[in-house]
Protein backbone atom coordinates (compact mmCIF):
# COMPACT_ATOMS: atom_id res chain seq x y z
CA UNK A 1 0.00 0.00 0.00
CA UNK A 2 1.34 3.45 -0.90
CA UNK A 3 0.74 6.86 0.59
CA UNK A 4 0.04 8.38 -2.81
CA UNK A 5 -3.26 10.30 -3.04
CA UNK A 6 -4.85 10.75 -6.44
CA UNK A 7 -5.69 14.32 -7.45
CA UNK A 8 -9.18 13.32 -8.52
CA UNK A 9 -9.84 12.07 -4.98
CA UNK A 10 -8.98 15.42 -3.32
CA UNK A 11 -9.74 17.92 -6.09
CA UNK A 12 -13.35 18.65 -5.06
CA UNK A 13 -12.30 19.76 -1.58
CA UNK A 14 -9.60 22.08 -2.92
CA UNK A 15 -11.95 23.58 -5.51
CA UNK A 16 -14.62 24.19 -2.87
CA UNK A 17 -12.12 25.94 -0.55
CA UNK A 18 -10.95 28.12 -3.46
CA UNK A 19 -14.48 29.35 -4.11
CA UNK A 20 -15.71 26.97 -6.78
CA UNK A 21 -14.93 26.19 -10.40
CA UNK A 22 -15.50 29.79 -11.57
CA UNK A 23 -13.05 31.19 -9.01
CA UNK A 24 -10.41 28.64 -10.01
CA UNK A 25 -10.96 29.40 -13.70
CA UNK A 26 -10.72 33.17 -13.06
CA UNK A 27 -7.50 32.71 -11.09
CA UNK A 28 -6.02 30.54 -13.81
CA UNK A 29 -6.93 33.12 -16.46
CA UNK A 30 -5.34 35.88 -14.37
CA UNK A 31 -2.09 33.92 -13.97
CA UNK A 32 -1.99 33.19 -17.70
CA UNK A 33 -2.47 36.89 -18.51
CA UNK A 34 0.38 37.83 -16.15
CA UNK A 35 2.63 35.21 -17.72
CA UNK A 36 1.88 36.50 -21.21
CA UNK A 37 2.63 40.08 -20.17
CA UNK A 38 5.91 39.01 -18.60
CA UNK A 39 6.85 37.09 -21.74
CA UNK A 40 6.11 40.11 -23.96
CA UNK A 41 7.91 42.63 -21.72
CA UNK A 42 11.22 43.88 -23.06
CA UNK A 43 14.36 42.50 -21.48
CA UNK A 44 16.19 44.84 -19.11
CA UNK A 45 18.70 47.00 -20.94
CA UNK A 46 22.40 46.76 -20.18
CA UNK A 47 22.67 50.52 -20.62
CA UNK A 48 20.71 51.45 -17.51
CA UNK A 49 22.39 52.08 -14.16
CA UNK A 50 22.99 48.78 -12.45
CA UNK A 51 22.81 46.90 -15.75
CA UNK A 52 25.65 44.69 -16.86
CA UNK A 53 27.17 44.62 -20.28
CA UNK A 54 29.37 41.76 -21.33
CA UNK A 55 31.51 42.15 -24.38
CA UNK A 56 31.53 39.18 -26.69
CA UNK A 57 35.01 38.04 -27.57
CA UNK A 58 35.84 37.02 -31.07
CA UNK A 59 38.29 34.29 -31.78
CA UNK A 60 41.19 35.70 -33.77
CA UNK A 61 40.19 39.33 -33.23
CA UNK A 62 43.09 41.66 -32.46
CA UNK A 63 43.38 42.53 -28.79
CA UNK A 64 43.11 46.10 -27.51
CA UNK A 65 46.43 45.90 -25.62
PDB file of N, CA and C in Angstrom:
ATOM      1  N   UNK A   1       0.845  -1.179   0.000  1.00  0.00           N
ATOM      2  CA  UNK A   1       0.000   0.000   0.000  1.00  0.00           C
ATOM      3  C   UNK A   1       0.894   1.247   0.000  1.00  0.00           C
ATOM      4  N   UNK A   2       0.531   2.229  -0.810  1.00  0.00           N
ATOM      5  CA  UNK A   2       1.336   3.448  -0.905  1.00  0.00           C
ATOM      6  C   UNK A   2       0.608   4.613  -0.249  1.00  0.00           C
ATOM      7  N   UNK A   3       1.352   5.674  -0.012  1.00  0.00           N
ATOM      8  CA  UNK A   3       0.743   6.860   0.593  1.00  0.00           C
ATOM      9  C   UNK A   3       0.362   7.887  -0.464  1.00  0.00           C
ATOM     10  N   UNK A   4       0.372   7.481  -1.709  1.00  0.00           N
ATOM     11  CA  UNK A   4       0.038   8.383  -2.805  1.00  0.00           C
ATOM     12  C   UNK A   4      -1.462   8.644  -2.839  1.00  0.00           C
ATOM     13  N   UNK A   5      -1.849   9.930  -2.944  1.00  0.00           N
ATOM     14  CA  UNK A   5      -3.263  10.304  -3.042  1.00  0.00           C
ATOM     15  C   UNK A   5      -3.520  10.836  -4.444  1.00  0.00           C
ATOM     16  N   UNK A   6      -4.527  10.297  -5.088  1.00  0.00           N
ATOM     17  CA  UNK A   6      -4.847  10.748  -6.441  1.00  0.00           C
ATOM     18  C   UNK A   6      -5.506  12.119  -6.401  1.00  0.00           C
ATOM     19  N   UNK A   7      -5.143  12.968  -7.371  1.00  0.00           N
ATOM     20  CA  UNK A   7      -5.691  14.320  -7.446  1.00  0.00           C
ATOM     21  C   UNK A   7      -7.204  14.282  -7.560  1.00  0.00           C
ATOM     22  N   UNK A   8      -7.734  13.367  -8.334  1.00  0.00           N
ATOM     23  CA  UNK A   8      -9.184  13.319  -8.521  1.00  0.00           C
ATOM     24  C   UNK A   8      -9.912  12.994  -7.217  1.00  0.00           C
ATOM     25  N   UNK A   9      -9.207  12.387  -6.265  1.00  0.00           N
ATOM     26  CA  UNK A   9      -9.835  12.069  -4.981  1.00  0.00           C
ATOM     27  C   UNK A   9      -9.898  13.280  -4.045  1.00  0.00           C
ATOM     28  N   UNK A  10      -9.016  14.254  -4.225  1.00  0.00           N
ATOM     29  CA  UNK A  10      -8.983  15.415  -3.319  1.00  0.00           C
ATOM     30  C   UNK A  10      -9.332  16.722  -4.013  1.00  0.00           C
ATOM     31  N   UNK A  11      -9.506  16.704  -5.313  1.00  0.00           N
ATOM     32  CA  UNK A  11      -9.742  17.923  -6.087  1.00  0.00           C
ATOM     33  C   UNK A  11     -10.988  18.678  -5.627  1.00  0.00           C
ATOM     34  N   UNK A  12     -12.074  17.993  -5.414  1.00  0.00           N
ATOM     35  CA  UNK A  12     -13.346  18.645  -5.062  1.00  0.00           C
ATOM     36  C   UNK A  12     -13.203  19.500  -3.800  1.00  0.00           C
ATOM     37  N   UNK A  13     -12.498  18.996  -2.817  1.00  0.00           N
ATOM     38  CA  UNK A  13     -12.304  19.762  -1.581  1.00  0.00           C
ATOM     39  C   UNK A  13     -11.484  21.028  -1.820  1.00  0.00           C
ATOM     40  N   UNK A  14     -10.435  20.913  -2.623  1.00  0.00           N
ATOM     41  CA  UNK A  14      -9.604  22.080  -2.925  1.00  0.00           C
ATOM     42  C   UNK A  14     -10.376  23.120  -3.730  1.00  0.00           C
ATOM     43  N   UNK A  15     -11.154  22.665  -4.688  1.00  0.00           N
ATOM     44  CA  UNK A  15     -11.953  23.579  -5.511  1.00  0.00           C
ATOM     45  C   UNK A  15     -12.986  24.299  -4.646  1.00  0.00           C
ATOM     46  N   UNK A  16     -13.613  23.579  -3.750  1.00  0.00           N
ATOM     47  CA  UNK A  16     -14.619  24.186  -2.867  1.00  0.00           C
ATOM     48  C   UNK A  16     -13.984  25.251  -1.977  1.00  0.00           C
ATOM     49  N   UNK A  17     -12.793  24.960  -1.409  1.00  0.00           N
ATOM     50  CA  UNK A  17     -12.119  25.943  -0.551  1.00  0.00           C
ATOM     51  C   UNK A  17     -11.664  27.167  -1.333  1.00  0.00           C
ATOM     52  N   UNK A  18     -11.404  26.999  -2.627  1.00  0.00           N
ATOM     53  CA  UNK A  18     -10.946  28.119  -3.458  1.00  0.00           C
ATOM     54  C   UNK A  18     -12.110  28.991  -3.923  1.00  0.00           C
ATOM     55  N   UNK A  19     -13.337  28.541  -3.721  1.00  0.00           N
ATOM     56  CA  UNK A  19     -14.482  29.351  -4.106  1.00  0.00           C
ATOM     57  C   UNK A  19     -15.275  28.792  -5.268  1.00  0.00           C
ATOM     58  N   UNK A  20     -14.962  27.599  -5.698  1.00  0.00           N
ATOM     59  CA  UNK A  20     -15.709  26.970  -6.779  1.00  0.00           C
ATOM     60  C   UNK A  20     -14.966  26.999  -8.097  1.00  0.00           C
ATOM     61  N   UNK A  21     -15.550  26.316  -9.074  1.00  0.00           N
ATOM     62  CA  UNK A  21     -14.931  26.188 -10.396  1.00  0.00           C
ATOM     63  C   UNK A  21     -14.687  27.546 -11.057  1.00  0.00           C
ATOM     64  N   UNK A  22     -15.649  28.461 -10.936  1.00  0.00           N
ATOM     65  CA  UNK A  22     -15.501  29.785 -11.570  1.00  0.00           C
ATOM     66  C   UNK A  22     -14.330  30.556 -10.975  1.00  0.00           C
ATOM     67  N   UNK A  23     -14.155  30.492  -9.660  1.00  0.00           N
ATOM     68  CA  UNK A  23     -13.048  31.189  -9.010  1.00  0.00           C
ATOM     69  C   UNK A  23     -11.709  30.607  -9.446  1.00  0.00           C
ATOM     70  N   UNK A  24     -11.645  29.290  -9.561  1.00  0.00           N
ATOM     71  CA  UNK A  24     -10.412  28.637 -10.011  1.00  0.00           C
ATOM     72  C   UNK A  24     -10.118  29.030 -11.455  1.00  0.00           C
ATOM     73  N   UNK A  25     -11.137  29.029 -12.288  1.00  0.00           N
ATOM     74  CA  UNK A  25     -10.961  29.404 -13.704  1.00  0.00           C
ATOM     75  C   UNK A  25     -10.503  30.860 -13.816  1.00  0.00           C
ATOM     76  N   UNK A  26     -11.106  31.751 -13.024  1.00  0.00           N
ATOM     77  CA  UNK A  26     -10.725  33.167 -13.058  1.00  0.00           C
ATOM     78  C   UNK A  26      -9.272  33.345 -12.595  1.00  0.00           C
ATOM     79  N   UNK A  27      -8.875  32.633 -11.565  1.00  0.00           N
ATOM     80  CA  UNK A  27      -7.500  32.705 -11.088  1.00  0.00           C
ATOM     81  C   UNK A  27      -6.515  32.185 -12.111  1.00  0.00           C
ATOM     82  N   UNK A  28      -6.880  31.106 -12.780  1.00  0.00           N
ATOM     83  CA  UNK A  28      -6.019  30.540 -13.807  1.00  0.00           C
ATOM     84  C   UNK A  28      -5.872  31.517 -14.975  1.00  0.00           C
ATOM     85  N   UNK A  29      -6.974  32.140 -15.374  1.00  0.00           N
ATOM     86  CA  UNK A  29      -6.927  33.119 -16.459  1.00  0.00           C
ATOM     87  C   UNK A  29      -6.057  34.321 -16.093  1.00  0.00           C
ATOM     88  N   UNK A  30      -6.149  34.749 -14.832  1.00  0.00           N
ATOM     89  CA  UNK A  30      -5.338  35.885 -14.365  1.00  0.00           C
ATOM     90  C   UNK A  30      -3.846  35.542 -14.399  1.00  0.00           C
ATOM     91  N   UNK A  31      -3.495  34.341 -13.942  1.00  0.00           N
ATOM     92  CA  UNK A  31      -2.094  33.922 -13.974  1.00  0.00           C
ATOM     93  C   UNK A  31      -1.570  33.813 -15.403  1.00  0.00           C
ATOM     94  N   UNK A  32      -2.400  33.296 -16.295  1.00  0.00           N
ATOM     95  CA  UNK A  32      -1.985  33.193 -17.703  1.00  0.00           C
ATOM     96  C   UNK A  32      -1.756  34.572 -18.302  1.00  0.00           C
ATOM     97  N   UNK A  33      -2.629  35.524 -17.984  1.00  0.00           N
ATOM     98  CA  UNK A  33      -2.474  36.886 -18.508  1.00  0.00           C
ATOM     99  C   UNK A  33      -1.178  37.508 -17.991  1.00  0.00           C
ATOM    100  N   UNK A  34      -0.868  37.304 -16.713  1.00  0.00           N
ATOM    101  CA  UNK A  34       0.381  37.831 -16.153  1.00  0.00           C
ATOM    102  C   UNK A  34       1.591  37.195 -16.816  1.00  0.00           C
ATOM    103  N   UNK A  35       1.514  35.902 -17.077  1.00  0.00           N
ATOM    104  CA  UNK A  35       2.630  35.210 -17.723  1.00  0.00           C
ATOM    105  C   UNK A  35       2.837  35.727 -19.145  1.00  0.00           C
ATOM    106  N   UNK A  36       1.753  35.977 -19.854  1.00  0.00           N
ATOM    107  CA  UNK A  36       1.878  36.503 -21.215  1.00  0.00           C
ATOM    108  C   UNK A  36       2.469  37.901 -21.210  1.00  0.00           C
ATOM    109  N   UNK A  37       2.065  38.736 -20.264  1.00  0.00           N
ATOM    110  CA  UNK A  37       2.626  40.080 -20.174  1.00  0.00           C
ATOM    111  C   UNK A  37       4.113  40.023 -19.857  1.00  0.00           C
ATOM    112  N   UNK A  38       4.501  39.140 -18.960  1.00  0.00           N
ATOM    113  CA  UNK A  38       5.912  39.011 -18.602  1.00  0.00           C
ATOM    114  C   UNK A  38       6.720  38.514 -19.791  1.00  0.00           C
ATOM    115  N   UNK A  39       6.155  37.633 -20.581  1.00  0.00           N
ATOM    116  CA  UNK A  39       6.849  37.093 -21.741  1.00  0.00           C
ATOM    117  C   UNK A  39       7.028  38.165 -22.815  1.00  0.00           C
ATOM    118  N   UNK A  40       6.059  39.075 -22.929  1.00  0.00           N
ATOM    119  CA  UNK A  40       6.107  40.109 -23.959  1.00  0.00           C
ATOM    120  C   UNK A  40       6.897  41.340 -23.522  1.00  0.00           C
ATOM    121  N   UNK A  41       7.194  41.457 -22.225  1.00  0.00           N
ATOM    122  CA  UNK A  41       7.915  42.629 -21.716  1.00  0.00           C
ATOM    123  C   UNK A  41       9.335  42.636 -22.263  1.00  0.00           C
ATOM    124  N   UNK A  42       9.855  43.823 -22.552  1.00  0.00           N
ATOM    125  CA  UNK A  42      11.224  43.877 -23.064  1.00  0.00           C
ATOM    126  C   UNK A  42      12.223  43.467 -21.983  1.00  0.00           C
ATOM    127  N   UNK A  43      13.316  42.896 -22.421  1.00  0.00           N
ATOM    128  CA  UNK A  43      14.361  42.499 -21.482  1.00  0.00           C
ATOM    129  C   UNK A  43      15.027  43.748 -20.918  1.00  0.00           C
ATOM    130  N   UNK A  44      15.503  43.690 -19.690  1.00  0.00           N
ATOM    131  CA  UNK A  44      16.185  44.845 -19.110  1.00  0.00           C
ATOM    132  C   UNK A  44      17.398  45.234 -19.963  1.00  0.00           C
ATOM    133  N   UNK A  45      17.602  46.512 -20.118  1.00  0.00           N
ATOM    134  CA  UNK A  45      18.698  47.004 -20.935  1.00  0.00           C
ATOM    135  C   UNK A  45      19.993  47.002 -20.140  1.00  0.00           C
ATOM    136  N   UNK A  46      21.090  46.733 -20.831  1.00  0.00           N
ATOM    137  CA  UNK A  46      22.399  46.758 -20.184  1.00  0.00           C
ATOM    138  C   UNK A  46      22.895  48.187 -20.035  1.00  0.00           C
ATOM    139  N   UNK A  47      22.212  49.140 -20.650  1.00  0.00           N
ATOM    140  CA  UNK A  47      22.670  50.524 -20.624  1.00  0.00           C
ATOM    141  C   UNK A  47      22.095  51.332 -19.463  1.00  0.00           C
ATOM    142  N   UNK A  48      21.285  50.737 -18.644  1.00  0.00           N
ATOM    143  CA  UNK A  48      20.710  51.454 -17.513  1.00  0.00           C
ATOM    144  C   UNK A  48      21.611  51.295 -16.302  1.00  0.00           C
ATOM    145  N   UNK A  49      21.567  52.224 -15.357  1.00  0.00           N
ATOM    146  CA  UNK A  49      22.390  52.084 -14.155  1.00  0.00           C
ATOM    147  C   UNK A  49      22.104  50.751 -13.467  1.00  0.00           C
ATOM    148  N   UNK A  50      23.148  50.074 -13.108  1.00  0.00           N
ATOM    149  CA  UNK A  50      22.993  48.777 -12.454  1.00  0.00           C
ATOM    150  C   UNK A  50      22.940  47.629 -13.441  1.00  0.00           C
ATOM    151  N   UNK A  51      22.829  47.948 -14.735  1.00  0.00           N
ATOM    152  CA  UNK A  51      22.806  46.904 -15.751  1.00  0.00           C
ATOM    153  C   UNK A  51      24.211  46.396 -16.017  1.00  0.00           C
ATOM    154  N   UNK A  52      24.335  45.263 -16.592  1.00  0.00           N
ATOM    155  CA  UNK A  52      25.646  44.692 -16.865  1.00  0.00           C
ATOM    156  C   UNK A  52      25.782  44.460 -18.351  1.00  0.00           C
ATOM    157  N   UNK A  53      26.908  44.835 -18.865  1.00  0.00           N
ATOM    158  CA  UNK A  53      27.173  44.622 -20.283  1.00  0.00           C
ATOM    159  C   UNK A  53      28.396  43.734 -20.384  1.00  0.00           C
ATOM    160  N   UNK A  54      28.243  42.661 -21.108  1.00  0.00           N
ATOM    161  CA  UNK A  54      29.366  41.761 -21.329  1.00  0.00           C
ATOM    162  C   UNK A  54      29.754  41.856 -22.785  1.00  0.00           C
ATOM    163  N   UNK A  55      31.007  42.071 -23.021  1.00  0.00           N
ATOM    164  CA  UNK A  55      31.507  42.149 -24.379  1.00  0.00           C
ATOM    165  C   UNK A  55      31.759  40.734 -24.893  1.00  0.00           C
ATOM    166  N   UNK A  56      31.277  40.475 -26.074  1.00  0.00           N
ATOM    167  CA  UNK A  56      31.530  39.179 -26.690  1.00  0.00           C
ATOM    168  C   UNK A  56      32.940  39.178 -27.245  1.00  0.00           C
ATOM    169  N   UNK A  57      33.666  38.125 -27.001  1.00  0.00           N
ATOM    170  CA  UNK A  57      35.011  38.037 -27.567  1.00  0.00           C
ATOM    171  C   UNK A  57      34.934  37.293 -28.882  1.00  0.00           C
ATOM    172  N   UNK A  58      35.792  37.680 -29.772  1.00  0.00           N
ATOM    173  CA  UNK A  58      35.838  37.021 -31.070  1.00  0.00           C
ATOM    174  C   UNK A  58      37.156  36.287 -31.190  1.00  0.00           C
ATOM    175  N   UNK A  59      37.082  35.085 -31.602  1.00  0.00           N
ATOM    176  CA  UNK A  59      38.291  34.292 -31.775  1.00  0.00           C
ATOM    177  C   UNK A  59      39.073  34.889 -32.947  1.00  0.00           C
ATOM    178  N   UNK A  60      40.329  35.168 -32.718  1.00  0.00           N
ATOM    179  CA  UNK A  60      41.185  35.700 -33.770  1.00  0.00           C
ATOM    180  C   UNK A  60      41.127  37.195 -33.910  1.00  0.00           C
ATOM    181  N   UNK A  61      40.277  37.879 -33.129  1.00  0.00           N
ATOM    182  CA  UNK A  61      40.193  39.328 -33.226  1.00  0.00           C
ATOM    183  C   UNK A  61      41.413  39.942 -32.548  1.00  0.00           C
ATOM    184  N   UNK A  62      41.927  41.047 -33.083  1.00  0.00           N
ATOM    185  CA  UNK A  62      43.091  41.664 -32.455  1.00  0.00           C
ATOM    186  C   UNK A  62      42.731  42.184 -31.075  1.00  0.00           C
ATOM    187  N   UNK A  63      43.638  42.066 -30.147  1.00  0.00           N
ATOM    188  CA  UNK A  63      43.376  42.526 -28.789  1.00  0.00           C
ATOM    189  C   UNK A  63      43.597  44.023 -28.710  1.00  0.00           C
ATOM    190  N   UNK A  64      43.027  44.657 -27.676  1.00  0.00           N
ATOM    191  CA  UNK A  64      43.109  46.100 -27.511  1.00  0.00           C
ATOM    192  C   UNK A  64      44.263  46.477 -26.592  1.00  0.00           C
ATOM    193  N   UNK A  65      45.292  45.643 -26.517  1.00  0.00           N
ATOM    194  CA  UNK A  65      46.428  45.903 -25.620  1.00  0.00           C
ATOM    195  C   UNK A  65      47.245  47.043 -26.086  1.00  0.00           C
TER     196      UNK A  65
END
